[in-house]
Amino acid sequence: MEKLLQYCWKHRILPAGELRTTDGQHVEVIDTGLLNTDAGPDFFNARIRIGDRLLAGNVEIHVRRRDWYAHGHDRDAAYDNVILHVVDAKCNGVAQQDATAEPRDEAVRTLSGNVLPELQITVPEEIIQNYQELLSVDSYPPCYKIVPKVTPLCMHSWMAALQTERLKQKTDAIVEHVSHLKGDWEHAYFITLARSYGFGSNSDALEQWARNMPMTSVAHHRDNLFQIEAFFFGQAGMLNIATVRERLQLETAADEYFQRLQSEYEYLKHKFRLADDHPPLWKYMRMRPQNFPTIRIAQLARLYHERRTSLSQLVECDTIEKLSKMFQCGVSDYWQTHYTFGHESQPSAKQLSAASTNLLMINCAIPMLFAYGRHTGSEALCNKALDLLESLPAENNNITRMWQQVGLESRSAGDTQALIQLKKQYCDRKNCLQCRIGYEYMKLKS
């Protein structure tokens, strides 16, 4: 119910006629403020006239008056700048005073001792009914019947906001890597690229592996692909037969190439004092051999060897074609005839498909360009990232097909990224009250 009260306040769905506080003062809501989704008061920077006073500050909303104390706001200085307490009229009506209420329920006080004015509002029955439908409907997405009725202007602005929101999430993760690495953007790019190469199944493992990769040491041997593979597979824990067989239940045969890599890694490990005590837990089960982590690491080794993991090279790419070409890289001779160590297979160049390359651009290259553009203050670089996203074809996956079935078509990767954000951050979390499509649904009449 508190979420519905917040919804009504945000969208000014307030009692008809003149608004008054519980002690009879006139209330004029000039600005409801900005909804706060983190800790602290519910709405920031509201502007409200109470009586003859114009107040600027925060608004806190509860179902019951006593919730102010139950949540400890009377002991929290962060709530000292609250200017209005809003509660549900049905639960706090003057004629419905709870005989068991404590005396302090008579008024709400801040830590500094100020008594807050209180406004009681009511959630209309049709809004309660619509919200319950959104939470309980079996069809997915629950707002399916309103989607075709949303105006193109409203949908376009919402899609643009969702696209920006998703891109910001990705860039925030990159900035976090950079901070952890004390400003090393090159290593942060490698981590982001490695995670993207996991394509979901091994993304977490490849990110962990890339985080722990001693890139400064590897750089000393960048011109030698064999030594890079020794670094990469050794740090992945894949050159220890006992570990591979125990943890992955994967039969690894110690052929000549494997033994040479083992020997080289032992030398490099000693030379650079490397630690490989906690390798990631790799996934192989129910996976096409083309997606095995061994192949992904071999591809990353080849990319690194050919200097295609350089941030400066990425920044220079200004077209989809150049970006795609940068990621089009195969594997070393050994891996052209192997998917795992010691088991020969039919020859294959093992290059990424066009769809996989597009995903790398969406999940790695474009967010990296945007994040680096923000870091350097380059509006041109940020705009280039957005233009590249709009230039990529629409993705085809379960989420985009679901939205297509209810009338939302995608013209570009920018659209599909917006729809993925909509599904994961709003639909899956039942966050309908913060969704613009949900807002249109809530306005439906019984």
Protein backbone atom coordinates (compact mmCIF):
# COMPACT_ATOMS: atom_id res chain seq x y z
CA MET A 1 0.00 0.00 0.00
CA GLU A 2 2.88 2.38 0.71
CA LYS A 3 4.04 2.07 -2.92
CA LEU A 4 0.55 3.01 -4.08
CA LEU A 5 0.56 6.02 -1.79
CA GLN A 6 3.90 7.07 -3.28
CA TYR A 7 2.43 6.56 -6.75
CA CYS A 8 -0.56 8.78 -5.94
CA TRP A 9 1.67 11.49 -4.49
CA LYS A 10 4.09 11.41 -7.44
CA HIS A 11 1.27 11.70 -9.98
CA ARG A 12 -0.80 14.16 -7.91
CA ILE A 13 -3.71 11.77 -7.48
CA LEU A 14 -4.88 13.66 -4.42
CA PRO A 15 -8.26 14.21 -2.73
CA ALA A 16 -10.61 16.51 -4.63
CA GLY A 17 -11.18 19.96 -3.29
CA GLU A 18 -9.05 21.92 -0.86
CA LEU A 19 -6.23 20.02 0.82
CA ARG A 20 -5.74 20.47 4.55
CA THR A 21 -3.42 19.00 7.15
CA THR A 22 -4.88 17.05 10.05
CA ASP A 23 -4.67 20.22 12.17
CA GLY A 24 -6.62 22.24 9.60
CA GLN A 25 -3.91 24.14 7.71
CA HIS A 26 -4.34 24.79 4.00
CA VAL A 27 -1.97 22.75 1.76
CA GLU A 28 -0.87 23.64 -1.77
CA VAL A 29 1.40 21.12 -3.51
CA ILE A 30 3.61 23.13 -5.86
CA ASP A 31 6.16 20.38 -6.59
CA THR A 32 5.88 16.80 -5.31
CA GLY A 33 9.66 16.35 -5.51
CA LEU A 34 11.80 13.57 -6.93
CA LEU A 35 11.17 9.97 -5.92
CA ASN A 36 14.11 8.56 -3.95
CA THR A 37 14.85 4.87 -4.58
CA ASP A 38 17.69 4.70 -2.04
CA ALA A 39 17.85 5.21 1.72
CA GLY A 40 16.34 8.38 3.10
CA PRO A 41 13.05 10.26 2.70
CA ASP A 42 10.71 9.12 -0.09
CA PHE A 43 10.71 12.38 -2.09
CA PHE A 44 13.48 14.95 -2.35
CA ASN A 45 13.23 18.68 -3.03
CA ALA A 46 9.47 19.11 -2.79
CA ARG A 47 7.92 22.59 -2.62
CA ILE A 48 4.75 22.90 -0.58
CA ARG A 49 2.78 25.84 0.82
CA ILE A 50 1.30 25.08 4.24
CA GLY A 51 -0.81 27.89 5.59
CA ASP A 52 1.09 31.06 4.79
CA ARG A 53 4.50 29.36 4.71
CA LEU A 54 6.28 28.23 1.55
CA LEU A 55 8.43 25.21 2.46
CA ALA A 56 11.14 23.43 0.47
CA GLY A 57 12.39 20.04 1.59
CA ASN A 58 11.56 16.35 1.63
CA VAL A 59 8.36 14.34 1.97
CA GLU A 60 7.98 11.03 3.80
CA ILE A 61 5.05 8.68 3.10
CA HIS A 62 3.70 5.89 5.30
CA VAL A 63 0.56 3.81 5.52
CA ARG A 64 0.18 4.52 9.25
CA ARG A 65 1.36 7.44 11.32
CA ARG A 66 3.10 5.14 13.79
CA ASP A 67 5.34 3.79 10.97
CA TRP A 68 7.44 6.94 11.38
CA TYR A 69 8.55 5.64 14.76
CA ALA A 70 8.55 1.97 13.77
CA HIS A 71 11.10 2.79 11.05
CA GLY A 72 13.23 4.83 13.43
CA HIS A 73 12.93 8.13 11.55
CA ASP A 74 12.60 10.02 14.84
CA ARG A 75 16.18 8.93 15.63
CA ASP A 76 17.65 9.66 12.20
CA ALA A 77 19.04 13.11 11.35
CA ALA A 78 18.52 12.36 7.63
CA TYR A 79 14.80 12.98 8.23
CA ASP A 80 15.20 16.37 9.93
CA ASN A 81 14.57 18.16 6.64
CA VAL A 82 11.20 16.47 6.04
CA ILE A 83 8.53 19.14 5.64
CA LEU A 84 5.42 16.96 5.29
CA HIS A 85 4.30 13.52 6.46
CA VAL A 86 1.76 11.86 4.13
CA VAL A 87 -0.31 8.89 5.32
CA ASP A 88 -3.27 6.77 4.24
CA ALA A 89 -6.56 8.39 5.28
CA LYS A 90 -8.26 5.00 5.70
CA CYS A 91 -5.74 3.87 8.31
CA ASN A 92 -5.30 7.20 10.11
CA GLY A 93 -8.68 8.94 10.05
CA VAL A 94 -9.33 11.21 13.02
CA ALA A 95 -12.52 9.28 13.73
CA GLN A 96 -10.64 5.99 13.69
CA GLN A 97 -8.03 6.65 16.39
CA ASP A 98 -6.66 3.37 17.68
CA ALA A 99 -7.42 3.10 21.37
CA THR A 100 -4.23 1.12 21.86
CA ALA A 101 -2.02 3.72 20.16
CA GLU A 102 0.85 5.14 22.14
CA PRO A 103 0.70 8.86 22.95
CA ARG A 104 3.50 9.62 20.53
CA ASP A 105 1.21 8.50 17.68
CA GLU A 106 -0.67 11.76 18.26
CA ALA A 107 2.08 13.65 16.39
CA VAL A 108 5.20 12.92 14.38
CA ARG A 109 8.45 14.49 15.57
CA THR A 110 11.90 14.63 13.97
CA LEU A 111 15.16 14.05 15.81
CA SER A 112 15.52 17.80 16.24
CA GLY A 113 12.08 17.92 17.89
CA ASN A 114 10.04 19.52 15.10
CA VAL A 115 6.41 18.43 14.84
CA LEU A 116 5.63 17.58 11.21
CA PRO A 117 2.39 18.59 9.51
CA GLU A 118 0.44 15.59 8.25
CA LEU A 119 -1.61 15.17 5.07
CA GLN A 120 -3.96 12.24 4.65
CA ILE A 121 -4.70 10.92 1.17
CA THR A 122 -6.65 8.00 -0.24
CA VAL A 123 -5.72 5.56 -2.99
CA PRO A 124 -8.67 5.29 -5.43
CA GLU A 125 -10.23 1.83 -5.68
CA GLU A 126 -9.61 1.56 -9.45
CA ILE A 127 -5.88 2.10 -8.89
CA ILE A 128 -5.80 -0.62 -6.22
CA GLN A 129 -7.67 -2.96 -8.56
CA ASN A 130 -5.40 -2.22 -11.54
CA TYR A 131 -2.28 -2.73 -9.44
CA GLN A 132 -3.56 -6.06 -8.13
CA GLU A 133 -4.21 -7.14 -11.73
CA LEU A 134 -0.62 -6.29 -12.70
CA LEU A 135 0.70 -8.35 -9.80
CA SER A 136 -1.54 -11.36 -10.33
CA VAL A 137 -2.19 -11.68 -14.08
CA ASP A 138 -0.84 -14.91 -15.58
CA SER A 139 0.07 -13.49 -18.99
CA TYR A 140 3.52 -12.02 -19.49
CA PRO A 141 4.11 -9.12 -19.59
CA PRO A 142 1.11 -8.34 -17.34
CA CYS A 143 0.48 -5.00 -19.06
CA TYR A 144 0.08 -6.67 -22.48
CA LYS A 145 -3.39 -5.27 -23.16
CA ILE A 146 -2.36 -1.63 -22.76
CA VAL A 147 0.82 -1.76 -24.87
CA PRO A 148 -0.88 -1.19 -28.27
CA LYS A 149 -2.75 1.80 -26.81
CA VAL A 150 0.30 3.70 -25.57
CA THR A 151 0.97 6.72 -27.78
CA PRO A 152 4.07 6.60 -30.02
CA LEU A 153 5.44 9.74 -28.34
CA CYS A 154 5.13 8.24 -24.86
CA MET A 155 6.64 4.93 -25.97
CA HIS A 156 9.52 6.61 -27.81
CA SER A 157 10.48 8.72 -24.79
CA TRP A 158 10.24 5.70 -22.46
CA MET A 159 12.40 3.56 -24.77
CA ALA A 160 15.01 6.32 -24.94
CA ALA A 161 15.06 6.56 -21.14
CA LEU A 162 15.38 2.77 -20.78
CA GLN A 163 18.23 2.64 -23.31
CA THR A 164 20.12 5.33 -21.39
CA GLU A 165 19.41 3.56 -18.11
CA ARG A 166 20.81 0.26 -19.36
CA LEU A 167 23.89 1.88 -20.88
CA LYS A 168 24.51 3.68 -17.59
CA GLN A 169 24.41 0.38 -15.69
CA LYS A 170 27.06 -1.05 -17.98
CA THR A 171 29.26 2.03 -17.81
CA ASP A 172 28.95 2.10 -14.01
CA ALA A 173 30.36 -1.44 -13.91
CA ILE A 174 33.30 -0.34 -16.07
CA VAL A 175 33.98 2.68 -13.86
CA GLU A 176 33.96 0.35 -10.85
CA HIS A 177 36.62 -1.80 -12.54
CA VAL A 178 38.72 1.29 -13.25
CA SER A 179 38.45 2.41 -9.63
CA HIS A 180 39.43 -1.04 -8.35
CA LEU A 181 42.40 -1.05 -10.75
CA LYS A 182 43.50 2.45 -9.68
CA GLY A 183 42.78 4.07 -13.03
CA ASP A 184 43.95 1.31 -15.37
CA TRP A 185 41.49 1.68 -18.27
CA GLU A 186 43.32 -0.88 -20.45
CA HIS A 187 42.88 -3.65 -17.87
CA ALA A 188 39.28 -2.57 -17.27
CA TYR A 189 38.64 -2.93 -21.00
CA PHE A 190 40.17 -6.42 -20.98
CA ILE A 191 37.93 -7.44 -18.05
CA THR A 192 34.84 -6.10 -19.83
CA LEU A 193 35.81 -7.86 -23.04
CA ALA A 194 36.46 -11.15 -21.23
CA ARG A 195 33.10 -11.00 -19.47
CA SER A 196 31.37 -10.38 -22.78
CA TYR A 197 33.15 -13.38 -24.28
CA GLY A 198 31.39 -15.57 -21.71
CA PHE A 199 28.05 -14.89 -23.46
CA GLY A 200 26.23 -15.52 -20.19
CA SER A 201 27.28 -19.06 -19.29
CA ASN A 202 30.88 -18.28 -18.32
CA SER A 203 30.69 -14.51 -17.99
CA ASP A 204 31.26 -14.44 -14.23
CA ALA A 205 34.13 -16.93 -14.47
CA LEU A 206 35.84 -15.03 -17.29
CA GLU A 207 35.46 -11.76 -15.41
CA GLN A 208 37.08 -13.30 -12.32
CA TRP A 209 39.86 -14.75 -14.48
CA ALA A 210 40.50 -11.41 -16.21
CA ARG A 211 40.49 -9.50 -12.92
CA ASN A 212 43.27 -11.71 -11.60
CA MET A 213 45.29 -11.68 -14.81
CA PRO A 214 48.72 -10.00 -14.25
CA MET A 215 48.47 -7.87 -17.39
CA THR A 216 51.76 -6.06 -16.75
CA SER A 217 53.57 -9.41 -16.72
CA VAL A 218 51.71 -10.73 -19.75
CA ALA A 219 52.62 -7.58 -21.68
CA HIS A 220 56.30 -8.56 -21.54
CA HIS A 221 55.48 -11.56 -23.76
CA ARG A 222 52.82 -10.04 -25.99
CA ASP A 223 54.69 -10.93 -29.18
CA ASN A 224 54.67 -14.65 -28.35
CA LEU A 225 51.24 -16.26 -28.75
CA PHE A 226 52.38 -19.52 -27.16
CA GLN A 227 53.51 -17.75 -23.99
CA ILE A 228 50.28 -15.75 -23.85
CA GLU A 229 48.33 -19.02 -24.00
CA ALA A 230 50.53 -20.39 -21.21
CA PHE A 231 49.67 -17.34 -19.11
CA PHE A 232 45.98 -17.44 -19.93
CA PHE A 233 45.35 -21.18 -19.53
CA GLY A 234 47.62 -21.42 -16.51
CA GLN A 235 45.81 -18.61 -14.68
CA ALA A 236 42.53 -20.28 -15.61
CA GLY A 237 43.59 -23.43 -13.77
CA MET A 238 43.36 -25.45 -16.98
CA LEU A 239 46.95 -26.74 -16.99
CA ASN A 240 46.50 -28.76 -13.83
CA ILE A 241 45.03 -32.10 -14.92
CA ALA A 242 43.98 -33.13 -11.41
CA THR A 243 42.13 -29.85 -10.83
CA VAL A 244 40.41 -29.97 -14.21
CA ARG A 245 39.22 -33.54 -13.75
CA GLU A 246 38.09 -33.01 -10.18
CA ARG A 247 36.33 -29.67 -10.49
CA LEU A 248 34.98 -29.91 -14.03
CA GLN A 249 34.60 -33.66 -14.44
CA LEU A 250 36.27 -33.18 -17.80
CA GLU A 251 38.71 -35.71 -19.23
CA THR A 252 41.85 -33.82 -20.24
CA ALA A 253 44.55 -35.68 -22.11
CA ALA A 254 48.11 -34.51 -21.56
CA ASP A 255 49.25 -34.33 -25.17
CA GLU A 256 52.52 -32.74 -26.27
CA TYR A 257 51.05 -29.25 -26.61
CA PHE A 258 49.49 -29.44 -23.17
CA GLN A 259 52.80 -30.54 -21.65
CA ARG A 260 54.68 -27.72 -23.36
CA LEU A 261 52.16 -25.20 -22.02
CA GLN A 262 52.50 -26.70 -18.56
CA SER A 263 56.28 -26.37 -18.67
CA GLU A 264 56.13 -22.81 -19.98
CA TYR A 265 53.60 -21.75 -17.37
CA GLU A 266 55.73 -23.14 -14.57
CA TYR A 267 58.60 -21.01 -15.86
CA LEU A 268 56.41 -17.89 -16.12
CA LYS A 269 54.82 -18.57 -12.76
CA HIS A 270 58.22 -18.70 -11.11
CA LYS A 271 59.55 -15.70 -13.05
CA PHE A 272 56.63 -13.40 -12.16
CA ARG A 273 55.69 -15.06 -8.84
CA LEU A 274 52.16 -15.75 -10.02
CA ALA A 275 49.38 -17.07 -7.81
CA ASP A 276 46.76 -19.45 -9.20
CA ASP A 277 45.35 -20.96 -6.01
CA HIS A 278 41.68 -20.19 -6.71
CA PRO A 279 40.88 -20.59 -10.41
CA PRO A 280 37.30 -19.91 -11.56
CA LEU A 281 34.77 -22.71 -11.80
CA TRP A 282 34.22 -23.18 -15.53
CA LYS A 283 31.05 -24.49 -17.14
CA TYR A 284 31.09 -27.05 -19.96
CA MET A 285 27.90 -29.04 -19.42
CA ARG A 286 25.00 -28.62 -21.88
CA MET A 287 27.07 -26.27 -24.00
CA ARG A 288 28.04 -26.30 -27.66
CA PRO A 289 31.79 -27.01 -28.00
CA GLN A 290 32.18 -23.70 -29.85
CA ASN A 291 31.28 -21.99 -26.56
CA PHE A 292 33.67 -23.97 -24.33
CA PRO A 293 35.76 -21.70 -22.09
CA THR A 294 38.91 -23.22 -23.62
CA ILE A 295 37.90 -21.80 -27.00
CA ARG A 296 36.96 -18.41 -25.54
CA ILE A 297 40.33 -18.15 -23.79
CA ALA A 298 42.15 -19.19 -26.98
CA GLN A 299 40.26 -16.48 -28.88
CA LEU A 300 41.12 -13.87 -26.25
CA ALA A 301 44.78 -14.92 -26.38
CA ARG A 302 44.82 -14.39 -30.15
CA LEU A 303 43.08 -11.01 -29.78
CA TYR A 304 45.59 -9.90 -27.18
CA HIS A 305 48.53 -11.14 -29.24
CA GLU A 306 47.32 -9.18 -32.29
CA ARG A 307 46.78 -6.07 -30.14
CA ARG A 308 43.04 -6.03 -30.70
CA THR A 309 42.33 -5.51 -27.00
CA SER A 310 43.81 -2.02 -27.03
CA LEU A 311 41.56 0.79 -25.83
CA SER A 312 43.22 3.27 -28.18
CA GLN A 313 42.38 1.03 -31.15
CA LEU A 314 38.79 0.79 -29.94
CA VAL A 315 38.50 4.58 -29.67
CA GLU A 316 39.66 4.94 -33.28
CA CYS A 317 36.83 2.76 -34.63
CA ASP A 318 34.06 4.96 -35.96
CA THR A 319 31.91 2.47 -37.87
CA ILE A 320 30.23 -0.84 -37.16
CA GLU A 321 32.33 -2.44 -39.90
CA LYS A 322 35.60 -1.40 -38.24
CA LEU A 323 34.43 -2.59 -34.85
CA SER A 324 33.30 -5.92 -36.26
CA LYS A 325 36.61 -6.42 -38.05
CA MET A 326 38.53 -5.74 -34.84
CA PHE A 327 36.75 -8.64 -33.10
CA GLN A 328 37.03 -11.05 -36.02
CA CYS A 329 39.94 -13.14 -34.87
CA GLY A 330 40.40 -16.90 -34.85
CA VAL A 331 42.59 -19.15 -32.72
CA SER A 332 46.07 -20.65 -32.85
CA ASP A 333 46.78 -23.73 -35.00
CA TYR A 334 46.32 -26.16 -32.10
CA TRP A 335 42.83 -24.89 -31.26
CA GLN A 336 41.70 -25.05 -34.87
CA THR A 337 41.60 -28.84 -34.42
CA HIS A 338 40.68 -29.02 -30.71
CA TYR A 339 37.90 -27.96 -28.35
CA THR A 340 39.62 -29.34 -25.24
CA PHE A 341 43.16 -30.45 -24.58
CA GLY A 342 44.17 -33.79 -26.05
CA HIS A 343 41.00 -34.49 -28.06
CA GLU A 344 41.33 -33.78 -31.75
CA SER A 345 38.32 -32.58 -33.74
CA GLN A 346 37.46 -31.57 -37.28
CA PRO A 347 39.37 -28.44 -38.41
CA SER A 348 37.55 -25.17 -37.73
CA ALA A 349 38.71 -21.55 -37.73
CA LYS A 350 36.49 -20.94 -34.68
CA GLN A 351 35.70 -17.35 -35.51
CA LEU A 352 32.76 -15.60 -33.92
CA SER A 353 29.46 -15.46 -35.77
CA ALA A 354 28.03 -12.12 -36.84
CA ALA A 355 25.43 -12.32 -34.05
CA SER A 356 28.13 -12.96 -31.42
CA THR A 357 30.23 -10.11 -32.76
CA ASN A 358 27.22 -7.80 -32.48
CA LEU A 359 26.77 -8.86 -28.86
CA LEU A 360 30.40 -7.99 -28.14
CA MET A 361 29.82 -4.54 -29.55
CA ILE A 362 26.60 -4.08 -27.55
CA ASN A 363 27.91 -5.40 -24.23
CA CYS A 364 31.56 -4.33 -24.38
CA ALA A 365 32.72 -1.94 -27.09
CA ILE A 366 29.88 0.58 -26.99
CA PRO A 367 29.64 0.81 -23.16
CA MET A 368 33.43 1.14 -23.04
CA LEU A 369 33.39 4.00 -25.54
CA PHE A 370 30.59 5.72 -23.61
CA ALA A 371 32.32 5.26 -20.24
CA TYR A 372 35.65 6.51 -21.58
CA GLY A 373 33.93 9.44 -23.25
CA ARG A 374 32.37 10.45 -19.95
CA HIS A 375 35.73 10.04 -18.20
CA THR A 376 37.57 12.24 -20.70
CA GLY A 377 34.72 14.70 -21.09
CA SER A 378 34.39 13.85 -24.77
CA GLU A 379 30.81 14.45 -25.88
CA ALA A 380 31.79 13.31 -29.38
CA LEU A 381 32.88 9.90 -28.07
CA CYS A 382 29.65 9.48 -26.09
CA ASN A 383 27.58 10.43 -29.13
CA LYS A 384 29.57 8.00 -31.27
CA ALA A 385 28.74 5.19 -28.85
CA LEU A 386 25.03 6.02 -29.04
CA ASP A 387 25.13 6.27 -32.83
CA LEU A 388 26.86 2.89 -33.10
CA LEU A 389 24.21 1.31 -30.87
CA GLU A 390 21.47 2.68 -33.10
CA SER A 391 23.32 1.41 -36.18
CA LEU A 392 23.40 -2.21 -35.00
CA PRO A 393 20.54 -4.50 -36.03
CA ALA A 394 17.91 -5.46 -33.49
CA GLU A 395 18.71 -8.48 -31.33
CA ASN A 396 16.63 -11.61 -31.66
CA ASN A 397 16.11 -13.35 -28.33
CA ASN A 398 13.33 -14.54 -26.02
CA ILE A 399 12.83 -11.10 -24.52
CA THR A 400 12.60 -9.20 -27.80
CA ARG A 401 10.26 -11.83 -29.25
CA MET A 402 8.03 -11.56 -26.18
CA TRP A 403 7.64 -7.80 -26.66
CA GLN A 404 7.11 -8.26 -30.38
CA GLN A 405 4.15 -10.52 -29.66
CA VAL A 406 2.41 -7.76 -27.67
CA GLY A 407 3.06 -5.09 -30.28
CA LEU A 408 6.48 -3.60 -29.48
CA GLU A 409 8.71 -3.79 -32.55
CA SER A 410 12.46 -3.18 -32.47
CA ARG A 411 14.30 -1.32 -35.21
CA SER A 412 17.82 -1.39 -33.74
CA ALA A 413 19.99 -2.73 -30.95
CA GLY A 414 19.16 0.47 -29.08
CA ASP A 415 15.50 -0.59 -29.02
CA THR A 416 16.24 -4.16 -27.97
CA GLN A 417 18.54 -3.00 -25.17
CA ALA A 418 15.70 -0.81 -23.93
CA LEU A 419 13.29 -3.76 -23.99
CA ILE A 420 15.77 -5.99 -22.14
CA GLN A 421 16.06 -3.28 -19.48
CA LEU A 422 12.27 -3.04 -19.29
CA LYS A 423 11.90 -6.77 -18.74
CA LYS A 424 14.73 -7.23 -16.23
CA GLN A 425 14.44 -4.05 -14.18
CA TYR A 426 10.69 -3.46 -14.24
CA CYS A 427 8.65 -6.52 -15.26
CA ASP A 428 10.70 -9.14 -13.41
CA ARG A 429 10.81 -6.97 -10.29
CA LYS A 430 7.11 -6.06 -10.49
CA ASN A 431 8.21 -2.45 -10.56
CA CYS A 432 5.11 -1.46 -12.50
CA LEU A 433 4.54 1.75 -10.56
CA GLN A 434 7.81 3.20 -11.88
CA CYS A 435 7.16 2.11 -15.48
CA ARG A 436 5.49 4.46 -17.95
CA ILE A 437 3.54 1.58 -19.49
CA GLY A 438 2.46 0.59 -15.99
CA TYR A 439 1.38 4.20 -15.43
CA GLU A 440 -0.88 4.01 -18.47
CA TYR A 441 -2.30 0.71 -17.18
CA MET A 442 -3.01 2.22 -13.76
CA LYS A 443 -5.18 4.89 -15.41
CA LEU A 444 -7.58 2.28 -16.80
CA LYS A 445 -11.14 2.62 -15.54
CA SER A 446 -13.09 -0.36 -14.22
